[in-house]
Amino acid sequence: MDAPESPHLESAAAPTTLPDPPLLPPPPASQKNHLRLLIIGVAVVIAGSFIGAKVFSSLATKQTLTMKEVPTKTVGLGKLVTVKNPIDRGLETIRVTKVVRGSAATSVVGQAEDLNHHRVAVFLTVCADDRFNPNGTAAIWLDGLKGAPIFPDPSTAANSLLNTHFDKQRCHDVVLGYGVPATQKIRQVTYSQFPYIRAHWNIPARSTGSTS
């Protein structure tokens, strides 16, 4: 006779398999575009910062321009030189035509200050328009064989460059006066506006007599 089943015993239940969680929907296309633009923007900023640092470093280490590096033109008397630059606005060309000294200059630019000095007159043809202000014409000086440059002095000559008014695109024959030590020999007339231009007109005769 079989033993009666215990009321407390139950048959083993089969294991239960839970379903996979539902997949999340993909992000909208607009979010993808925003993320892409953000990445591109960060890359551009980093690249720009790198390039800017390189440019700044290059500028910071650039050497100062010296007088030897200024564009220079050396010619003889009578030669035309283009002297355009942003300092002397409106100035176009200068031609030094003649340089005279002593009594020949006195009749043009006045008496010397004393017996130890000679007067020198520099004759020029200057072309400029009405923007040019010739009051700052100390940029045209005399270079001697020694000593410092000799700058022009005020002149009451009617055709002095310092007294000349330039209309639009006009050329004038003008003069500048200088006081030069009697023993000083003059080598050249120079126009210079650092760092844009330097021009020399060589004077062929270096005497201390009536002509330079």
C-alpha atoms as a PDB file:
ATOM      1  CA  MET A   1       0.000   0.000   0.000  1.00  0.00           C
ATOM      2  CA  ASP A   2       1.490   3.267  -1.089  1.00  0.00           C
ATOM      3  CA  ALA A   3       2.231   5.897   1.549  1.00  0.00           C
ATOM      4  CA  PRO A   4      -0.039   8.915   1.389  1.00  0.00           C
ATOM      5  CA  GLU A   5       1.447  12.090  -0.096  1.00  0.00           C
ATOM      6  CA  SER A   6       2.386  14.729   2.392  1.00  0.00           C
ATOM      7  CA  PRO A   7       0.224  17.792   2.074  1.00  0.00           C
ATOM      8  CA  HIS A   8       3.333  19.995   2.539  1.00  0.00           C
ATOM      9  CA  LEU A   9       5.245  18.670  -0.463  1.00  0.00           C
ATOM     10  CA  GLU A  10       4.777  20.318  -3.872  1.00  0.00           C
ATOM     11  CA  SER A  11       6.336  19.536  -7.233  1.00  0.00           C
ATOM     12  CA  ALA A  12       9.345  21.721  -8.323  1.00  0.00           C
ATOM     13  CA  ALA A  13       8.233  24.685 -10.430  1.00  0.00           C
ATOM     14  CA  ALA A  14       9.865  25.416 -13.832  1.00  0.00           C
ATOM     15  CA  PRO A  15      12.308  28.481 -13.853  1.00  0.00           C
ATOM     16  CA  THR A  16      10.780  31.725 -15.039  1.00  0.00           C
ATOM     17  CA  THR A  17      12.570  33.771 -17.781  1.00  0.00           C
ATOM     18  CA  LEU A  18      12.157  37.546 -17.512  1.00  0.00           C
ATOM     19  CA  PRO A  19      11.701  39.436 -20.794  1.00  0.00           C
ATOM     20  CA  ASP A  20      14.505  41.774 -22.057  1.00  0.00           C
ATOM     21  CA  PRO A  21      13.965  45.449 -21.208  1.00  0.00           C
ATOM     22  CA  PRO A  22      12.653  47.497 -24.122  1.00  0.00           C
ATOM     23  CA  LEU A  23      15.313  49.255 -26.220  1.00  0.00           C
ATOM     24  CA  LEU A  24      15.613  53.041 -25.761  1.00  0.00           C
ATOM     25  CA  PRO A  25      14.607  55.011 -28.811  1.00  0.00           C
ATOM     26  CA  PRO A  26      17.525  56.628 -30.749  1.00  0.00           C
ATOM     27  CA  PRO A  27      18.180  60.325 -30.011  1.00  0.00           C
ATOM     28  CA  PRO A  28      16.473  62.752 -32.343  1.00  0.00           C
ATOM     29  CA  ALA A  29      18.446  63.960 -35.379  1.00  0.00           C
ATOM     30  CA  SER A  30      18.536  67.491 -33.973  1.00  0.00           C
ATOM     31  CA  GLN A  31      20.470  66.325 -30.905  1.00  0.00           C
ATOM     32  CA  LYS A  32      23.001  64.557 -33.144  1.00  0.00           C
ATOM     33  CA  ASN A  33      23.525  67.771 -35.139  1.00  0.00           C
ATOM     34  CA  HIS A  34      23.984  69.839 -31.980  1.00  0.00           C
ATOM     35  CA  LEU A  35      26.599  67.402 -30.679  1.00  0.00           C
ATOM     36  CA  ARG A  36      28.438  67.423 -33.999  1.00  0.00           C
ATOM     37  CA  LEU A  37      28.460  71.238 -34.115  1.00  0.00           C
ATOM     38  CA  LEU A  38      29.728  71.366 -30.515  1.00  0.00           C
ATOM     39  CA  ILE A  39      32.645  69.082 -31.341  1.00  0.00           C
ATOM     40  CA  ILE A  40      33.500  71.098 -34.447  1.00  0.00           C
ATOM     41  CA  GLY A  41      33.301  74.356 -32.479  1.00  0.00           C
ATOM     42  CA  VAL A  42      35.671  73.084 -29.784  1.00  0.00           C
ATOM     43  CA  ALA A  43      38.131  71.934 -32.456  1.00  0.00           C
ATOM     44  CA  VAL A  44      38.017  75.333 -34.186  1.00  0.00           C
ATOM     45  CA  VAL A  45      38.657  77.185 -30.907  1.00  0.00           C
ATOM     46  CA  ILE A  46      41.626  74.967 -30.073  1.00  0.00           C
ATOM     47  CA  ALA A  47      43.105  75.345 -33.561  1.00  0.00           C
ATOM     48  CA  GLY A  48      42.556  79.124 -33.504  1.00  0.00           C
ATOM     49  CA  SER A  49      44.256  79.434 -30.129  1.00  0.00           C
ATOM     50  CA  PHE A  50      47.242  77.465 -31.404  1.00  0.00           C
ATOM     51  CA  ILE A  51      47.596  79.588 -34.550  1.00  0.00           C
ATOM     52  CA  GLY A  52      47.171  82.820 -32.572  1.00  0.00           C
ATOM     53  CA  ALA A  53      49.892  81.770 -30.138  1.00  0.00           C
ATOM     54  CA  LYS A  54      52.234  81.054 -33.047  1.00  0.00           C
ATOM     55  CA  VAL A  55      51.559  84.457 -34.660  1.00  0.00           C
ATOM     56  CA  PHE A  56      52.026  86.319 -31.378  1.00  0.00           C
ATOM     57  CA  SER A  57      55.273  84.471 -30.723  1.00  0.00           C
ATOM     58  CA  SER A  58      56.517  85.359 -34.207  1.00  0.00           C
ATOM     59  CA  LEU A  59      55.687  89.051 -33.763  1.00  0.00           C
ATOM     60  CA  ALA A  60      57.164  89.191 -30.288  1.00  0.00           C
ATOM     61  CA  THR A  61      60.498  87.759 -31.428  1.00  0.00           C
ATOM     62  CA  LYS A  62      60.806  89.842 -34.640  1.00  0.00           C
ATOM     63  CA  GLN A  63      63.883  92.043 -34.558  1.00  0.00           C
ATOM     64  CA  THR A  64      63.621  95.806 -34.726  1.00  0.00           C
ATOM     65  CA  LEU A  65      64.278  97.252 -38.192  1.00  0.00           C
ATOM     66  CA  THR A  66      67.660  98.975 -38.382  1.00  0.00           C
ATOM     67  CA  MET A  67      68.750 101.837 -40.624  1.00  0.00           C
ATOM     68  CA  LYS A  68      70.724  99.391 -42.781  1.00  0.00           C
ATOM     69  CA  GLU A  69      67.486  97.563 -43.631  1.00  0.00           C
ATOM     70  CA  VAL A  70      65.596 100.660 -44.795  1.00  0.00           C
ATOM     71  CA  PRO A  71      65.091 100.723 -48.612  1.00  0.00           C
ATOM     72  CA  THR A  72      67.830 103.048 -49.897  1.00  0.00           C
ATOM     73  CA  LYS A  73      68.388 104.759 -53.235  1.00  0.00           C
ATOM     74  CA  THR A  74      71.682 106.511 -54.068  1.00  0.00           C
ATOM     75  CA  VAL A  75      71.831 108.691 -57.171  1.00  0.00           C
ATOM     76  CA  GLY A  76      73.634 111.684 -58.610  1.00  0.00           C
ATOM     77  CA  LEU A  77      72.396 115.270 -58.725  1.00  0.00           C
ATOM     78  CA  GLY A  78      69.561 115.775 -61.171  1.00  0.00           C
ATOM     79  CA  LYS A  79      68.087 112.298 -60.693  1.00  0.00           C
ATOM     80  CA  LEU A  80      64.420 111.897 -59.761  1.00  0.00           C
ATOM     81  CA  VAL A  81      63.583 109.679 -56.783  1.00  0.00           C
ATOM     82  CA  THR A  82      60.103 108.523 -55.767  1.00  0.00           C
ATOM     83  CA  VAL A  83      59.747 109.114 -52.025  1.00  0.00           C
ATOM     84  CA  LYS A  84      56.141 108.124 -51.243  1.00  0.00           C
ATOM     85  CA  ASN A  85      55.588 107.207 -47.590  1.00  0.00           C
ATOM     86  CA  PRO A  86      52.825 107.507 -44.952  1.00  0.00           C
ATOM     87  CA  ILE A  87      54.680 110.131 -42.889  1.00  0.00           C
ATOM     88  CA  ASP A  88      54.976 112.828 -45.569  1.00  0.00           C
ATOM     89  CA  ARG A  89      51.488 112.304 -46.924  1.00  0.00           C
ATOM     90  CA  GLY A  90      51.022 113.622 -50.444  1.00  0.00           C
ATOM     91  CA  LEU A  91      54.736 113.791 -51.239  1.00  0.00           C
ATOM     92  CA  GLU A  92      55.525 112.016 -54.507  1.00  0.00           C
ATOM     93  CA  THR A  93      59.017 112.730 -55.853  1.00  0.00           C
ATOM     94  CA  ILE A  94      62.153 114.770 -55.110  1.00  0.00           C
ATOM     95  CA  ARG A  95      64.904 115.799 -57.495  1.00  0.00           C
ATOM     96  CA  VAL A  96      67.999 117.577 -56.124  1.00  0.00           C
ATOM     97  CA  THR A  97      69.203 119.632 -59.067  1.00  0.00           C
ATOM     98  CA  LYS A  98      72.048 121.759 -57.684  1.00  0.00           C
ATOM     99  CA  VAL A  99      73.995 122.517 -54.501  1.00  0.00           C
ATOM    100  CA  VAL A 100      75.886 125.806 -54.125  1.00  0.00           C
ATOM    101  CA  ARG A 101      77.981 127.159 -51.263  1.00  0.00           C
ATOM    102  CA  GLY A 102      79.388 130.445 -50.068  1.00  0.00           C
ATOM    103  CA  SER A 103      78.616 133.702 -51.875  1.00  0.00           C
ATOM    104  CA  ALA A 104      76.587 131.889 -54.529  1.00  0.00           C
ATOM    105  CA  ALA A 105      74.290 130.608 -51.775  1.00  0.00           C
ATOM    106  CA  THR A 106      74.190 133.840 -49.766  1.00  0.00           C
ATOM    107  CA  SER A 107      72.240 135.669 -52.451  1.00  0.00           C
ATOM    108  CA  VAL A 108      69.609 132.917 -52.327  1.00  0.00           C
ATOM    109  CA  VAL A 109      69.288 131.885 -48.664  1.00  0.00           C
ATOM    110  CA  GLY A 110      70.834 134.808 -46.763  1.00  0.00           C
ATOM    111  CA  GLN A 111      74.013 135.527 -44.828  1.00  0.00           C
ATOM    112  CA  ALA A 112      75.965 133.031 -42.771  1.00  0.00           C
ATOM    113  CA  GLU A 113      75.656 133.352 -39.000  1.00  0.00           C
ATOM    114  CA  ASP A 114      79.385 134.141 -38.569  1.00  0.00           C
ATOM    115  CA  LEU A 115      82.749 133.897 -40.282  1.00  0.00           C
ATOM    116  CA  ASN A 116      83.131 130.297 -39.138  1.00  0.00           C
ATOM    117  CA  HIS A 117      80.149 129.145 -41.220  1.00  0.00           C
ATOM    118  CA  HIS A 118      79.198 129.045 -44.868  1.00  0.00           C
ATOM    119  CA  ARG A 119      75.758 129.192 -46.382  1.00  0.00           C
ATOM    120  CA  VAL A 120      74.679 126.276 -48.574  1.00  0.00           C
ATOM    121  CA  ALA A 121      71.663 126.400 -50.879  1.00  0.00           C
ATOM    122  CA  VAL A 122      70.121 123.152 -52.108  1.00  0.00           C
ATOM    123  CA  PHE A 123      67.928 123.493 -55.199  1.00  0.00           C
ATOM    124  CA  LEU A 124      65.169 120.919 -55.568  1.00  0.00           C
ATOM    125  CA  THR A 125      62.153 120.063 -57.664  1.00  0.00           C
ATOM    126  CA  VAL A 126      59.457 118.640 -55.394  1.00  0.00           C
ATOM    127  CA  CYS A 127      56.198 117.104 -56.604  1.00  0.00           C
ATOM    128  CA  ALA A 128      53.321 116.656 -54.144  1.00  0.00           C
ATOM    129  CA  ASP A 129      49.621 117.221 -53.738  1.00  0.00           C
ATOM    130  CA  ASP A 130      47.746 119.431 -51.296  1.00  0.00           C
ATOM    131  CA  ARG A 131      48.091 116.899 -48.442  1.00  0.00           C
ATOM    132  CA  PHE A 132      51.830 117.552 -48.150  1.00  0.00           C
ATOM    133  CA  ASN A 133      52.935 119.834 -45.320  1.00  0.00           C
ATOM    134  CA  PRO A 134      56.519 120.996 -46.013  1.00  0.00           C
ATOM    135  CA  ASN A 135      57.003 122.531 -42.555  1.00  0.00           C
ATOM    136  CA  GLY A 136      58.563 119.277 -41.391  1.00  0.00           C
ATOM    137  CA  THR A 137      61.220 119.223 -44.081  1.00  0.00           C
ATOM    138  CA  ALA A 138      64.001 118.575 -41.584  1.00  0.00           C
ATOM    139  CA  ALA A 139      63.862 115.155 -43.266  1.00  0.00           C
ATOM    140  CA  ILE A 140      66.118 116.659 -45.984  1.00  0.00           C
ATOM    141  CA  TRP A 141      69.614 117.176 -44.597  1.00  0.00           C
ATOM    142  CA  LEU A 142      73.280 117.408 -45.594  1.00  0.00           C
ATOM    143  CA  ASP A 143      75.745 114.623 -44.811  1.00  0.00           C
ATOM    144  CA  GLY A 144      79.357 115.647 -44.396  1.00  0.00           C
ATOM    145  CA  LEU A 145      82.521 113.591 -44.426  1.00  0.00           C
ATOM    146  CA  LYS A 146      82.440 113.739 -40.623  1.00  0.00           C
ATOM    147  CA  GLY A 147      80.176 114.962 -37.864  1.00  0.00           C
ATOM    148  CA  ALA A 148      76.428 114.902 -37.430  1.00  0.00           C
ATOM    149  CA  PRO A 149      73.906 115.573 -40.223  1.00  0.00           C
ATOM    150  CA  ILE A 150      73.191 119.265 -40.914  1.00  0.00           C
ATOM    151  CA  PHE A 151      69.492 120.106 -40.988  1.00  0.00           C
ATOM    152  CA  PRO A 152      67.886 122.971 -42.931  1.00  0.00           C
ATOM    153  CA  ASP A 153      67.284 126.262 -41.220  1.00  0.00           C
ATOM    154  CA  PRO A 154      64.358 128.653 -41.739  1.00  0.00           C
ATOM    155  CA  SER A 155      64.623 130.615 -44.957  1.00  0.00           C
ATOM    156  CA  THR A 156      62.875 133.797 -46.054  1.00  0.00           C
ATOM    157  CA  ALA A 157      63.504 133.032 -49.717  1.00  0.00           C
ATOM    158  CA  ALA A 158      60.314 133.353 -51.721  1.00  0.00           C
ATOM    159  CA  ASN A 159      60.886 129.942 -53.277  1.00  0.00           C
ATOM    160  CA  SER A 160      61.863 128.166 -50.044  1.00  0.00           C
ATOM    161  CA  LEU A 161      60.298 124.738 -49.712  1.00  0.00           C
ATOM    162  CA  LEU A 162      59.193 125.792 -46.212  1.00  0.00           C
ATOM    163  CA  ASN A 163      57.061 128.569 -47.733  1.00  0.00           C
ATOM    164  CA  THR A 164      55.584 126.527 -50.599  1.00  0.00           C
ATOM    165  CA  HIS A 165      51.941 125.542 -50.868  1.00  0.00           C
ATOM    166  CA  PHE A 166      51.224 122.512 -53.040  1.00  0.00           C
ATOM    167  CA  ASP A 167      48.048 122.256 -55.049  1.00  0.00           C
ATOM    168  CA  LYS A 168      46.784 118.890 -56.199  1.00  0.00           C
ATOM    169  CA  GLN A 169      49.545 117.024 -58.091  1.00  0.00           C
ATOM    170  CA  ARG A 170      51.849 119.979 -58.712  1.00  0.00           C
ATOM    171  CA  CYS A 171      55.632 120.298 -58.915  1.00  0.00           C
ATOM    172  CA  HIS A 172      57.633 123.286 -57.633  1.00  0.00           C
ATOM    173  CA  ASP A 173      61.251 124.387 -58.030  1.00  0.00           C
ATOM    174  CA  VAL A 174      62.273 125.233 -54.469  1.00  0.00           C
ATOM    175  CA  VAL A 175      65.340 125.815 -52.303  1.00  0.00           C
ATOM    176  CA  LEU A 176      66.509 124.955 -48.778  1.00  0.00           C
ATOM    177  CA  GLY A 177      69.185 126.851 -46.833  1.00  0.00           C
ATOM    178  CA  TYR A 178      71.819 125.415 -44.498  1.00  0.00           C
ATOM    179  CA  GLY A 179      74.529 126.772 -42.217  1.00  0.00           C
ATOM    180  CA  VAL A 180      77.673 124.664 -42.568  1.00  0.00           C
ATOM    181  CA  PRO A 181      80.964 124.948 -40.659  1.00  0.00           C
ATOM    182  CA  ALA A 182      83.529 126.505 -42.968  1.00  0.00           C
ATOM    183  CA  THR A 183      85.841 123.493 -42.706  1.00  0.00           C
ATOM    184  CA  GLN A 184      83.105 120.914 -43.260  1.00  0.00           C
ATOM    185  CA  LYS A 185      83.023 119.138 -46.608  1.00  0.00           C
ATOM    186  CA  ILE A 186      79.578 118.084 -47.818  1.00  0.00           C
ATOM    187  CA  ARG A 187      79.217 114.611 -49.295  1.00  0.00           C
ATOM    188  CA  GLN A 188      75.519 114.223 -50.128  1.00  0.00           C
ATOM    189  CA  VAL A 189      71.962 115.460 -49.699  1.00  0.00           C
ATOM    190  CA  THR A 190      69.737 112.965 -47.893  1.00  0.00           C
ATOM    191  CA  TYR A 191      65.985 112.533 -47.592  1.00  0.00           C
ATOM    192  CA  SER A 192      64.854 109.946 -45.060  1.00  0.00           C
ATOM    193  CA  GLN A 193      61.658 108.876 -43.340  1.00  0.00           C
ATOM    194  CA  PHE A 194      62.441 105.873 -41.184  1.00  0.00           C
ATOM    195  CA  PRO A 195      61.584 103.053 -41.724  1.00  0.00           C
ATOM    196  CA  TYR A 196      60.086 103.624 -45.192  1.00  0.00           C
ATOM    197  CA  ILE A 197      62.642 105.326 -47.428  1.00  0.00           C
ATOM    198  CA  ARG A 198      66.119 106.792 -47.592  1.00  0.00           C
ATOM    199  CA  ALA A 199      67.499 108.593 -50.634  1.00  0.00           C
ATOM    200  CA  HIS A 200      70.969 110.049 -51.214  1.00  0.00           C
ATOM    201  CA  TRP A 201      72.019 112.538 -53.897  1.00  0.00           C
ATOM    202  CA  ASN A 202      75.804 112.438 -54.154  1.00  0.00           C
ATOM    203  CA  ILE A 203      77.583 115.766 -54.592  1.00  0.00           C
ATOM    204  CA  PRO A 204      80.464 115.319 -57.070  1.00  0.00           C
ATOM    205  CA  ALA A 205      82.637 118.252 -55.901  1.00  0.00           C
ATOM    206  CA  ARG A 206      83.556 118.196 -52.218  1.00  0.00           C
ATOM    207  CA  SER A 207      85.299 121.518 -52.027  1.00  0.00           C
ATOM    208  CA  THR A 208      84.820 124.165 -49.350  1.00  0.00           C
ATOM    209  CA  GLY A 209      84.718 126.888 -51.959  1.00  0.00           C
ATOM    210  CA  SER A 210      81.770 128.501 -53.713  1.00  0.00           C
ATOM    211  CA  THR A 211      80.277 125.159 -54.761  1.00  0.00           C
ATOM    212  CA  SER A 212      79.861 121.925 -52.828  1.00  0.00           C
END
